[in-house]
Amino acid sequence: MSSTIDLLRTSGVKVTPGRVRVYEALAAAAQPLSHADLEARLPDADRVTLYRVLDTLVVCGLAMKAVDARGVFRFSASGAQSEHRRHAHFRCTDCGRVFCLKDAPPPPPKLPRGFRLADAEYDLRGTCANCARAHHK
């Protein structure tokens, strides 16, 4: 728990029991979780507070938010957001899982004069091995 508290403090957000619990639930999950998944794992959490905590964790860089093929937002713990900028991600359009890939993303394109890049994401989308096997059965 103390590492979670340290992460929250370092990210510049106030440490609250709700933020600690939500971050730890995300960090312990084997795959990205939806709001409903988190409600099931944290049954005493207030629905609106949970939305606010998730938004805070995304804004401060401790969680990543992505929409799956069904239009459902899924959240995963990212530790430090910069850690995830060093490699590409693969998102399964069937199950919604996000996989960290070993390869670094390609460099950003050359921008026109006067443009300043603030952020770039490189996502690959398709079907993971488990979902592909399930389709072939």
Protein backbone atom coordinates (compact mmCIF):
# COMPACT_ATOMS: atom_id res chain seq x y z
CA MET A 1 0.00 0.00 0.00
CA SER A 2 2.80 2.44 0.78
CA SER A 3 4.03 2.26 -2.82
CA THR A 4 0.51 3.21 -3.95
CA ILE A 5 0.51 6.13 -1.53
CA ASP A 6 3.92 7.19 -2.83
CA LEU A 7 2.69 6.97 -6.44
CA LEU A 8 -0.35 9.11 -5.64
CA ARG A 9 1.74 11.70 -3.82
CA THR A 10 4.35 11.81 -6.59
CA SER A 11 1.57 12.29 -9.14
CA GLY A 12 0.37 15.36 -7.26
CA VAL A 13 -3.03 14.12 -6.14
CA LYS A 14 -4.41 13.93 -2.64
CA VAL A 15 -4.17 10.47 -1.11
CA THR A 16 -7.62 9.14 -0.19
CA PRO A 17 -8.72 5.63 0.77
CA GLY A 18 -10.86 5.46 -2.40
CA ARG A 19 -7.97 6.38 -4.70
CA VAL A 20 -5.73 3.84 -2.99
CA ARG A 21 -8.34 1.06 -3.29
CA VAL A 22 -9.18 1.79 -6.93
CA TYR A 23 -5.54 2.05 -8.00
CA GLU A 24 -4.69 -1.19 -6.20
CA ALA A 25 -7.67 -2.96 -7.83
CA LEU A 26 -6.46 -1.79 -11.24
CA ALA A 27 -2.86 -2.78 -10.47
CA ALA A 28 -3.92 -6.28 -9.36
CA ALA A 29 -6.11 -6.92 -12.41
CA ALA A 30 -4.85 -9.19 -15.18
CA GLN A 31 -6.66 -7.09 -17.79
CA PRO A 32 -8.21 -3.64 -18.10
CA LEU A 33 -11.39 -3.20 -16.05
CA SER A 34 -14.62 -1.43 -16.86
CA HIS A 35 -16.46 0.73 -14.35
CA ALA A 36 -18.86 -2.20 -13.81
CA ASP A 37 -15.93 -4.57 -13.18
CA LEU A 38 -14.59 -2.20 -10.53
CA GLU A 39 -18.03 -1.85 -8.93
CA ALA A 40 -18.14 -5.65 -8.61
CA ARG A 41 -14.66 -5.76 -7.06
CA LEU A 42 -15.36 -2.81 -4.75
CA PRO A 43 -19.05 -3.29 -3.83
CA ASP A 44 -19.03 -0.61 -1.12
CA ALA A 45 -17.68 2.06 -3.50
CA ASP A 46 -20.06 4.84 -4.48
CA ARG A 47 -20.73 4.80 -8.25
CA VAL A 48 -20.17 8.53 -8.80
CA THR A 49 -17.08 8.61 -6.59
CA LEU A 50 -15.68 5.70 -8.57
CA TYR A 51 -16.08 7.67 -11.82
CA ARG A 52 -14.34 10.65 -10.24
CA VAL A 53 -11.47 8.54 -8.89
CA LEU A 54 -10.95 6.92 -12.29
CA ASP A 55 -10.92 10.31 -14.00
CA THR A 56 -8.39 11.59 -11.47
CA LEU A 57 -6.13 8.57 -11.94
CA VAL A 58 -6.22 9.02 -15.71
CA VAL A 59 -5.49 12.76 -15.54
CA CYS A 60 -2.53 12.30 -13.19
CA GLY A 61 -1.12 9.49 -15.35
CA LEU A 62 -1.59 6.57 -12.97
CA ALA A 63 -4.23 4.89 -15.13
CA MET A 64 -4.85 4.47 -18.81
CA LYS A 65 -8.34 4.72 -20.30
CA ALA A 66 -9.28 3.07 -23.57
CA VAL A 67 -12.55 2.25 -25.27
CA ASP A 68 -13.07 -1.33 -26.39
CA ALA A 69 -14.83 -2.52 -29.54
CA ARG A 70 -18.19 -2.44 -27.69
CA GLY A 71 -17.76 1.22 -26.71
CA VAL A 72 -17.03 0.42 -23.05
CA PHE A 73 -14.28 2.37 -21.32
CA ARG A 74 -11.67 0.13 -19.72
CA PHE A 75 -9.04 1.23 -17.23
CA SER A 76 -5.64 -0.17 -16.35
CA ALA A 77 -2.98 0.91 -13.90
CA SER A 78 -0.01 2.45 -15.61
CA GLY A 79 2.35 3.24 -12.74
CA ALA A 80 4.08 6.14 -14.38
CA GLN A 81 2.53 7.07 -17.71
CA SER A 82 5.98 7.52 -19.24
CA GLU A 83 6.58 3.79 -18.76
CA HIS A 84 3.87 3.10 -21.36
CA ARG A 85 5.24 5.59 -23.85
CA ARG A 86 8.34 3.41 -24.27
CA HIS A 87 6.47 0.56 -25.93
CA ALA A 88 3.50 -0.09 -28.19
CA HIS A 89 0.17 -1.61 -27.11
CA PHE A 90 -2.11 -4.17 -28.72
CA ARG A 91 -5.83 -3.93 -27.93
CA CYS A 92 -8.01 -6.96 -28.58
CA THR A 93 -11.22 -5.85 -30.25
CA ASP A 94 -13.01 -8.96 -28.97
CA CYS A 95 -12.19 -9.19 -25.25
CA GLY A 96 -10.93 -5.64 -24.68
CA ARG A 97 -7.63 -6.71 -23.10
CA VAL A 98 -4.60 -4.50 -23.62
CA PHE A 99 -1.20 -6.10 -24.11
CA CYS A 100 2.11 -4.28 -23.66
CA LEU A 101 4.43 -5.12 -26.55
CA LYS A 102 8.22 -5.28 -26.27
CA ASP A 103 8.85 -3.15 -29.34
CA ALA A 104 9.10 0.60 -29.07
CA PRO A 105 6.53 2.59 -31.03
CA PRO A 106 7.71 4.24 -34.23
CA PRO A 107 8.93 7.82 -34.00
CA PRO A 108 6.29 10.50 -34.53
CA PRO A 109 6.04 11.99 -38.01
CA LYS A 110 7.85 15.20 -38.84
CA LEU A 111 5.52 18.07 -38.03
CA PRO A 112 5.11 21.27 -40.03
CA ARG A 113 7.09 24.27 -38.89
CA GLY A 114 5.67 25.86 -35.75
CA PHE A 115 3.81 22.74 -34.61
CA ARG A 116 4.64 21.28 -31.18
CA LEU A 117 3.79 17.70 -30.34
CA ALA A 118 2.31 17.30 -26.84
CA ASP A 119 1.58 13.58 -26.86
CA ALA A 120 1.37 10.57 -29.15
CA GLU A 121 -0.09 7.12 -28.71
CA TYR A 122 0.54 4.08 -30.84
CA ASP A 123 -2.15 1.41 -30.54
CA LEU A 124 -2.47 -1.73 -32.55
CA ARG A 125 -5.92 -3.27 -32.67
CA GLY A 126 -6.97 -6.76 -33.62
CA THR A 127 -7.70 -10.14 -32.09
CA CYS A 128 -5.52 -11.64 -29.36
CA ALA A 129 -4.34 -15.26 -29.53
CA ASN A 130 -7.00 -16.52 -27.06
CA CYS A 131 -9.87 -14.88 -28.95
CA ALA A 132 -8.49 -16.03 -32.30
CA ARG A 133 -8.38 -19.65 -31.02
CA ALA A 134 -11.95 -19.33 -29.71
CA HIS A 135 -13.14 -18.20 -33.16
CA HIS A 136 -11.52 -21.18 -34.88
CA LYS A 137 -13.18 -23.81 -32.64
